[in-house]
Amino acid sequence: MEKRSKPQFNDMGLTQWYWRVLHHKNLELGENTEIGSFTVIDAFKGVKIGDDVKIGFGCTILSYSSIDNKGGKTILGKNCKIGSGSVIMPGVEIGENSIIGANSFLNKDVPPNEVWVGSPAKYLKKVDSNDL
């Protein structure tokens, strides 16, 4: 399997793959991670993305909200998958192997090996071999 190169950020935080990171010095990016175009990551309070994570097109991953001044490190565990168009709110932790369905709004922690969907996202089922 071909290893992906680490992203290069321009002055605006835009990568060569058309996803953007605000405060990119606070981003911890795992190996073999794929992030879809037009995704925006605000790493002001820290974002950690584990190894083998897949993030769909047009997602928003936040670590700080200026509306209510709440924030915290947002963590995406190893091998989790985030469906296109999803929004991950500040301070949320997504466990290893978990899946967030497309266009979901996630504002609470997700344990490992679970599938969550909807707006707001709710537990659907445990991850099984057909989901991997």
C-alpha atoms as a PDB file:
ATOM      1  CA  MET A   1       0.000   0.000   0.000  1.00  0.00           C
ATOM      2  CA  GLU A   2       1.325   3.430  -0.966  1.00  0.00           C
ATOM      3  CA  LYS A   3       2.086   5.684   1.983  1.00  0.00           C
ATOM      4  CA  ARG A   4       0.542   9.158   1.823  1.00  0.00           C
ATOM      5  CA  SER A   5       2.798  12.142   2.230  1.00  0.00           C
ATOM      6  CA  LYS A   6       2.252  14.623   5.038  1.00  0.00           C
ATOM      7  CA  PRO A   7       0.303  17.723   4.025  1.00  0.00           C
ATOM      8  CA  GLN A   8       1.991  20.996   3.188  1.00  0.00           C
ATOM      9  CA  PHE A   9       0.151  24.092   4.449  1.00  0.00           C
ATOM     10  CA  ASN A  10       0.171  27.463   2.702  1.00  0.00           C
ATOM     11  CA  ASP A  11      -0.160  30.752   4.631  1.00  0.00           C
ATOM     12  CA  MET A  12      -3.938  30.305   4.808  1.00  0.00           C
ATOM     13  CA  GLY A  13      -3.707  26.724   6.158  1.00  0.00           C
ATOM     14  CA  LEU A  14      -4.846  25.198   2.849  1.00  0.00           C
ATOM     15  CA  THR A  15      -3.273  21.884   1.826  1.00  0.00           C
ATOM     16  CA  GLN A  16      -2.428  20.602  -1.629  1.00  0.00           C
ATOM     17  CA  TRP A  17      -5.576  18.416  -1.394  1.00  0.00           C
ATOM     18  CA  TYR A  18      -7.950  21.366  -0.781  1.00  0.00           C
ATOM     19  CA  TRP A  19      -8.712  20.829   2.858  1.00  0.00           C
ATOM     20  CA  ARG A  20      -7.900  23.525   5.375  1.00  0.00           C
ATOM     21  CA  VAL A  21      -6.568  23.650   8.929  1.00  0.00           C
ATOM     22  CA  LEU A  22      -6.807  26.711  11.140  1.00  0.00           C
ATOM     23  CA  HIS A  23      -4.036  26.765  13.787  1.00  0.00           C
ATOM     24  CA  HIS A  24      -2.290  23.844  12.051  1.00  0.00           C
ATOM     25  CA  LYS A  25       0.493  23.763  14.653  1.00  0.00           C
ATOM     26  CA  ASN A  26      -2.105  22.292  17.054  1.00  0.00           C
ATOM     27  CA  LEU A  27      -3.003  19.421  14.707  1.00  0.00           C
ATOM     28  CA  GLU A  28      -1.661  15.927  15.426  1.00  0.00           C
ATOM     29  CA  LEU A  29      -2.124  13.869  12.273  1.00  0.00           C
ATOM     30  CA  GLY A  30      -1.694  10.091  12.279  1.00  0.00           C
ATOM     31  CA  GLU A  31      -0.209   7.925   9.556  1.00  0.00           C
ATOM     32  CA  ASN A  32      -2.179   6.753   6.511  1.00  0.00           C
ATOM     33  CA  THR A  33      -5.020   9.182   7.191  1.00  0.00           C
ATOM     34  CA  GLU A  34      -7.244  10.404   4.343  1.00  0.00           C
ATOM     35  CA  ILE A  35      -9.108  13.708   4.510  1.00  0.00           C
ATOM     36  CA  GLY A  36     -11.609  14.721   1.826  1.00  0.00           C
ATOM     37  CA  SER A  37     -11.464  17.991  -0.075  1.00  0.00           C
ATOM     38  CA  PHE A  38     -13.216  21.032   1.384  1.00  0.00           C
ATOM     39  CA  THR A  39     -12.964  19.739   4.941  1.00  0.00           C
ATOM     40  CA  VAL A  40     -12.122  22.420   7.521  1.00  0.00           C
ATOM     41  CA  ILE A  41     -10.354  21.612  10.793  1.00  0.00           C
ATOM     42  CA  ASP A  42     -10.120  24.295  13.493  1.00  0.00           C
ATOM     43  CA  ALA A  43      -7.322  23.091  15.769  1.00  0.00           C
ATOM     44  CA  PHE A  44      -7.232  26.159  18.059  1.00  0.00           C
ATOM     45  CA  LYS A  45      -7.574  24.027  21.227  1.00  0.00           C
ATOM     46  CA  GLY A  46      -6.015  20.945  19.598  1.00  0.00           C
ATOM     47  CA  VAL A  47      -7.162  18.200  17.254  1.00  0.00           C
ATOM     48  CA  LYS A  48      -5.678  14.705  17.262  1.00  0.00           C
ATOM     49  CA  ILE A  49      -6.452  12.419  14.325  1.00  0.00           C
ATOM     50  CA  GLY A  50      -5.259   8.832  14.762  1.00  0.00           C
ATOM     51  CA  ASP A  51      -3.716   6.423  12.273  1.00  0.00           C
ATOM     52  CA  ASP A  52      -5.814   5.065   9.386  1.00  0.00           C
ATOM     53  CA  VAL A  53      -8.669   7.573   9.878  1.00  0.00           C
ATOM     54  CA  LYS A  54     -10.906   8.360   6.875  1.00  0.00           C
ATOM     55  CA  ILE A  55     -12.720  11.706   6.734  1.00  0.00           C
ATOM     56  CA  GLY A  56     -15.179  12.384   3.913  1.00  0.00           C
ATOM     57  CA  PHE A  57     -15.592  15.494   1.775  1.00  0.00           C
ATOM     58  CA  GLY A  58     -16.802  18.752   3.289  1.00  0.00           C
ATOM     59  CA  CYS A  59     -16.556  17.915   6.983  1.00  0.00           C
ATOM     60  CA  THR A  60     -16.041  20.422   9.806  1.00  0.00           C
ATOM     61  CA  ILE A  61     -13.985  19.431  12.845  1.00  0.00           C
ATOM     62  CA  LEU A  62     -13.873  21.990  15.652  1.00  0.00           C
ATOM     63  CA  SER A  63     -11.907  22.410  18.869  1.00  0.00           C
ATOM     64  CA  TYR A  64     -13.319  25.812  19.833  1.00  0.00           C
ATOM     65  CA  SER A  65     -16.631  27.658  19.559  1.00  0.00           C
ATOM     66  CA  SER A  66     -16.544  31.457  19.664  1.00  0.00           C
ATOM     67  CA  ILE A  67     -20.318  31.578  20.195  1.00  0.00           C
ATOM     68  CA  ASP A  68     -20.205  30.126  23.715  1.00  0.00           C
ATOM     69  CA  ASN A  69     -16.419  30.289  24.295  1.00  0.00           C
ATOM     70  CA  LYS A  70     -16.284  26.532  24.855  1.00  0.00           C
ATOM     71  CA  GLY A  71     -13.508  24.383  23.560  1.00  0.00           C
ATOM     72  CA  GLY A  72     -11.317  21.402  24.121  1.00  0.00           C
ATOM     73  CA  LYS A  73      -9.114  18.963  22.305  1.00  0.00           C
ATOM     74  CA  THR A  74     -11.053  16.959  19.724  1.00  0.00           C
ATOM     75  CA  ILE A  75      -9.836  13.382  19.230  1.00  0.00           C
ATOM     76  CA  LEU A  76     -10.556  10.988  16.373  1.00  0.00           C
ATOM     77  CA  GLY A  77      -9.347   7.521  17.375  1.00  0.00           C
ATOM     78  CA  LYS A  78      -7.454   5.074  15.222  1.00  0.00           C
ATOM     79  CA  ASN A  79      -9.326   3.673  12.192  1.00  0.00           C
ATOM     80  CA  CYS A  80     -12.495   5.722  12.667  1.00  0.00           C
ATOM     81  CA  LYS A  81     -14.516   6.925   9.682  1.00  0.00           C
ATOM     82  CA  ILE A  82     -16.334  10.247   9.367  1.00  0.00           C
ATOM     83  CA  GLY A  83     -18.980  10.504   6.624  1.00  0.00           C
ATOM     84  CA  SER A  84     -19.048  13.446   4.201  1.00  0.00           C
ATOM     85  CA  GLY A  85     -20.660  16.647   5.419  1.00  0.00           C
ATOM     86  CA  SER A  86     -20.411  15.783   9.109  1.00  0.00           C
ATOM     87  CA  VAL A  87     -19.731  18.319  11.869  1.00  0.00           C
ATOM     88  CA  ILE A  88     -17.686  17.299  14.923  1.00  0.00           C
ATOM     89  CA  MET A  89     -18.042  19.778  17.806  1.00  0.00           C
ATOM     90  CA  PRO A  90     -15.258  20.914  20.188  1.00  0.00           C
ATOM     91  CA  GLY A  91     -13.909  18.527  22.808  1.00  0.00           C
ATOM     92  CA  VAL A  92     -15.537  15.408  21.350  1.00  0.00           C
ATOM     93  CA  GLU A  93     -13.653  12.098  21.443  1.00  0.00           C
ATOM     94  CA  ILE A  94     -14.463   9.399  18.880  1.00  0.00           C
ATOM     95  CA  GLY A  95     -13.227   5.933  19.846  1.00  0.00           C
ATOM     96  CA  GLU A  96     -11.210   3.541  17.700  1.00  0.00           C
ATOM     97  CA  ASN A  97     -13.010   1.862  14.786  1.00  0.00           C
ATOM     98  CA  SER A  98     -16.145   3.987  15.218  1.00  0.00           C
ATOM     99  CA  ILE A  99     -18.147   5.286  12.256  1.00  0.00           C
ATOM    100  CA  ILE A 100     -20.025   8.584  11.989  1.00  0.00           C
ATOM    101  CA  GLY A 101     -22.634   8.611   9.204  1.00  0.00           C
ATOM    102  CA  ALA A 102     -22.720  11.251   6.462  1.00  0.00           C
ATOM    103  CA  ASN A 103     -24.164  14.667   7.377  1.00  0.00           C
ATOM    104  CA  SER A 104     -24.142  13.884  11.095  1.00  0.00           C
ATOM    105  CA  PHE A 105     -23.823  16.520  13.829  1.00  0.00           C
ATOM    106  CA  LEU A 106     -21.772  15.049  16.670  1.00  0.00           C
ATOM    107  CA  ASN A 107     -21.722  16.861  20.007  1.00  0.00           C
ATOM    108  CA  LYS A 108     -20.907  14.022  22.428  1.00  0.00           C
ATOM    109  CA  ASP A 109     -18.243  11.351  22.865  1.00  0.00           C
ATOM    110  CA  VAL A 110     -18.522   8.086  20.946  1.00  0.00           C
ATOM    111  CA  PRO A 111     -17.154   4.867  22.495  1.00  0.00           C
ATOM    112  CA  PRO A 112     -14.944   2.555  20.404  1.00  0.00           C
ATOM    113  CA  ASN A 113     -16.566   0.268  17.817  1.00  0.00           C
ATOM    114  CA  GLU A 114     -19.902   2.083  17.472  1.00  0.00           C
ATOM    115  CA  VAL A 115     -21.875   3.556  14.553  1.00  0.00           C
ATOM    116  CA  TRP A 116     -23.557   6.940  15.152  1.00  0.00           C
ATOM    117  CA  VAL A 117     -25.770   8.820  12.663  1.00  0.00           C
ATOM    118  CA  GLY A 118     -28.059  11.836  12.442  1.00  0.00           C
ATOM    119  CA  SER A 119     -28.388  15.422  13.563  1.00  0.00           C
ATOM    120  CA  PRO A 120     -27.808  15.340  16.431  1.00  0.00           C
ATOM    121  CA  ALA A 121     -25.956  12.055  16.055  1.00  0.00           C
ATOM    122  CA  LYS A 122     -27.312   9.093  17.998  1.00  0.00           C
ATOM    123  CA  TYR A 123     -26.104   5.556  18.560  1.00  0.00           C
ATOM    124  CA  LEU A 124     -27.207   3.160  15.794  1.00  0.00           C
ATOM    125  CA  LYS A 125     -25.343  -0.100  16.417  1.00  0.00           C
ATOM    126  CA  LYS A 126     -22.049  -1.791  17.177  1.00  0.00           C
ATOM    127  CA  VAL A 127     -19.519  -1.948  14.347  1.00  0.00           C
ATOM    128  CA  ASP A 128     -19.410  -5.401  12.746  1.00  0.00           C
ATOM    129  CA  SER A 129     -17.143  -6.948  10.114  1.00  0.00           C
ATOM    130  CA  ASN A 130     -19.445  -5.740   7.294  1.00  0.00           C
ATOM    131  CA  ASP A 131     -18.816  -2.125   8.354  1.00  0.00           C
ATOM    132  CA  LEU A 132     -15.021  -2.314   8.131  1.00  0.00           C
END
